[in-house]
Amino acid sequence: MKDDEILGRIGELIDEEHILRGRLAAGELTTDEEHERIRTLEQSLDQCWDLLRRRRASRDAGEDPDFAAPRPVNEIEDYEQ
């Protein structure tokens, strides 16, 4: 995944988050449904931002950023704590 693709995916996830919040406000889904999907979206966003940071770091170090791959959510969440 190239940087522009990652940024595009981040935009899609943010858009979906806004749609979910609107659907909750409109009573189209329950708070529990919204929270579960938001949690999944946040995990995906964490993965995207992590991958983008690692690609940029690789590039800054003179390495090929295409070797960076998404890490598992639990690895990212453990790192962020």
Protein backbone atom coordinates (compact mmCIF):
# COMPACT_ATOMS: atom_id res chain seq x y z
CA MET A 1 0.00 0.00 0.00
CA LYS A 2 1.44 3.36 -1.05
CA ASP A 3 1.22 6.51 1.10
CA ASP A 4 -1.58 8.02 -0.95
CA GLU A 5 -3.57 4.79 -0.70
CA ILE A 6 -3.11 4.73 3.07
CA LEU A 7 -4.21 8.36 3.33
CA GLY A 8 -7.22 7.55 1.15
CA ARG A 9 -8.13 4.65 3.43
CA ILE A 10 -7.78 6.92 6.48
CA GLY A 11 -10.21 9.35 4.84
CA GLU A 12 -12.69 6.53 4.14
CA LEU A 13 -12.54 5.35 7.75
CA ILE A 14 -13.10 8.86 9.07
CA ASP A 15 -16.04 9.32 6.70
CA GLU A 16 -17.54 6.05 7.91
CA GLU A 17 -17.13 7.19 11.52
CA HIS A 18 -19.08 10.39 10.75
CA ILE A 19 -21.81 8.39 9.02
CA LEU A 20 -22.09 6.06 12.02
CA ARG A 21 -22.44 8.97 14.41
CA GLY A 22 -25.20 10.39 12.19
CA ARG A 23 -26.98 7.05 12.08
CA LEU A 24 -26.82 6.83 15.85
CA ALA A 25 -28.27 10.33 16.19
CA ALA A 26 -31.05 9.36 13.77
CA GLY A 27 -31.85 6.24 15.82
CA GLU A 28 -30.86 3.89 12.99
CA LEU A 29 -28.56 1.85 15.22
CA THR A 30 -28.01 1.23 18.90
CA THR A 31 -25.26 2.71 21.01
CA ASP A 32 -23.74 -0.75 21.38
CA GLU A 33 -23.70 -1.28 17.60
CA GLU A 34 -22.13 2.13 17.09
CA HIS A 35 -19.51 1.58 19.79
CA GLU A 36 -18.50 -1.80 18.40
CA ARG A 37 -18.09 -0.47 14.86
CA ILE A 38 -16.27 2.65 16.10
CA ARG A 39 -13.86 0.41 18.00
CA THR A 40 -13.13 -1.52 14.80
CA LEU A 41 -12.70 1.72 12.85
CA GLU A 42 -10.29 3.07 15.46
CA GLN A 43 -8.22 -0.11 15.27
CA SER A 44 -8.06 0.18 11.48
CA LEU A 45 -7.08 3.84 11.78
CA ASP A 46 -4.32 2.91 14.23
CA GLN A 47 -3.01 0.36 11.75
CA CYS A 48 -3.07 2.85 8.89
CA TRP A 49 -1.32 5.61 10.85
CA ASP A 50 1.27 3.12 12.13
CA LEU A 51 1.98 1.87 8.61
CA LEU A 52 2.23 5.41 7.26
CA ARG A 53 4.69 6.41 10.03
CA ARG A 54 6.82 3.32 9.42
CA ARG A 55 6.84 3.92 5.64
CA ARG A 56 7.95 7.51 6.20
CA ALA A 57 10.64 6.42 8.67
CA SER A 58 11.92 3.84 6.18
CA ARG A 59 12.04 6.46 3.46
CA ASP A 60 13.87 8.92 5.75
CA ALA A 61 16.40 6.19 6.56
CA GLY A 62 17.03 5.60 2.86
CA GLU A 63 15.22 2.27 2.87
CA ASP A 64 12.44 1.02 0.62
CA PRO A 65 9.12 1.91 2.28
CA ASP A 66 7.36 -0.84 0.30
CA PHE A 67 8.83 -3.41 2.67
CA ALA A 68 6.73 -2.00 5.53
CA ALA A 69 3.63 -4.09 6.16
CA PRO A 70 0.64 -3.52 8.43
CA ARG A 71 1.16 -4.83 11.94
CA PRO A 72 -1.51 -6.73 13.89
CA VAL A 73 -3.83 -4.53 15.96
CA ASN A 74 -2.75 -6.11 19.25
CA GLU A 75 0.88 -5.29 18.50
CA ILE A 76 0.05 -1.64 17.78
CA GLU A 77 -2.22 -1.30 20.81
CA ASP A 78 0.40 -2.85 23.12
CA TYR A 79 2.98 -0.43 21.74
CA GLU A 80 0.74 2.62 22.21
CA GLN A 81 0.10 1.95 25.90
